[in-house]
Amino acid sequence: MGLEVKIRMVGRKNGGEQWLESAYSVYETRLKPTNLGVTTQYHKSDNELIKGTEADENKNHKVILLDPLGKLCTSEV
């Protein structure tokens, strides 16, 4: 397998939030034809998410943070 992508988020896997399940499905569909391994790590709180992200950084993993209130970007041409 090639590169691995770990999606970290606060919430539950079966939390019933339809928008979240839909968004994850879109990412999964877009990444499926690539040579990427995609896993999702759910955290119970913001603090746990921060600890997990800091652990990734300490392992020299690249971290990309998505902020729903941040600047809107698109991958479309």
Protein backbone atom coordinates (compact mmCIF):
# COMPACT_ATOMS: atom_id res chain seq x y z
CA MET A 1 0.00 0.00 0.00
CA GLY A 2 1.13 3.55 -0.65
CA LEU A 3 0.52 6.53 1.58
CA GLU A 4 -1.83 6.36 4.52
CA VAL A 5 -4.36 9.03 5.45
CA LYS A 6 -5.82 9.17 8.94
CA ILE A 7 -8.94 11.28 9.38
CA ARG A 8 -9.33 12.41 12.99
CA MET A 9 -12.60 13.87 14.21
CA VAL A 10 -14.61 14.44 17.36
CA GLY A 11 -17.74 12.35 17.45
CA ARG A 12 -18.96 8.79 17.25
CA LYS A 13 -18.77 6.45 14.31
CA ASN A 14 -22.52 5.87 14.40
CA GLY A 15 -23.45 9.23 15.86
CA GLY A 16 -26.39 9.70 13.54
CA GLU A 17 -25.08 12.93 12.02
CA GLN A 18 -26.10 12.49 8.39
CA TRP A 19 -23.94 15.34 7.07
CA LEU A 20 -20.85 13.75 8.64
CA GLU A 21 -21.55 10.34 7.17
CA SER A 22 -22.19 11.98 3.79
CA ALA A 23 -18.94 13.99 3.90
CA TYR A 24 -16.92 10.92 4.86
CA SER A 25 -18.53 8.96 2.04
CA VAL A 26 -17.48 11.63 -0.47
CA TYR A 27 -13.85 11.47 0.70
CA GLU A 28 -13.89 7.68 0.65
CA THR A 29 -15.28 7.66 -2.91
CA ARG A 30 -12.70 10.20 -4.15
CA LEU A 31 -9.77 8.38 -2.56
CA LYS A 32 -10.81 4.81 -3.41
CA PRO A 33 -9.19 4.69 -6.88
CA THR A 34 -5.87 5.95 -5.46
CA ASN A 35 -3.17 3.97 -3.72
CA LEU A 36 -4.03 5.56 -0.36
CA GLY A 37 -5.02 3.74 2.80
CA VAL A 38 -7.75 5.69 4.59
CA THR A 39 -8.67 5.19 8.24
CA THR A 40 -10.82 7.25 10.59
CA GLN A 41 -10.05 7.87 14.26
CA TYR A 42 -12.97 9.16 16.34
CA HIS A 43 -12.29 11.11 19.54
CA LYS A 44 -14.63 11.75 22.46
CA SER A 45 -13.49 15.34 23.01
CA ASP A 46 -11.55 18.22 21.50
CA ASN A 47 -8.75 17.56 23.99
CA GLU A 48 -8.39 13.95 22.81
CA LEU A 49 -8.34 15.16 19.20
CA ILE A 50 -5.58 17.64 20.04
CA LYS A 51 -3.54 14.95 21.82
CA GLY A 52 -3.88 12.62 18.83
CA THR A 53 -2.85 15.36 16.42
CA GLU A 54 0.14 16.29 18.57
CA ALA A 55 1.17 12.62 18.69
CA ASP A 56 1.08 12.53 14.89
CA GLU A 57 3.23 15.66 14.69
CA ASN A 58 5.73 14.15 17.16
CA LYS A 59 6.06 11.18 14.78
CA ASN A 60 6.82 13.67 11.96
CA HIS A 61 3.53 12.88 10.23
CA LYS A 62 2.09 15.62 8.08
CA VAL A 63 -1.06 17.15 9.61
CA ILE A 64 -3.73 19.06 7.71
CA LEU A 65 -6.44 20.73 9.78
CA LEU A 66 -9.84 21.49 8.30
CA ASP A 67 -11.80 24.29 9.95
CA PRO A 68 -15.50 24.61 9.09
CA LEU A 69 -15.21 28.34 9.78
CA GLY A 70 -12.03 28.75 7.72
CA LYS A 71 -11.42 29.86 4.16
CA LEU A 72 -13.41 27.85 1.58
CA CYS A 73 -11.21 26.05 -0.95
CA THR A 74 -12.08 23.69 -3.77
CA SER A 75 -10.25 20.92 -5.60
CA GLU A 76 -12.34 21.38 -8.72
CA VAL A 77 -10.68 22.68 -11.87
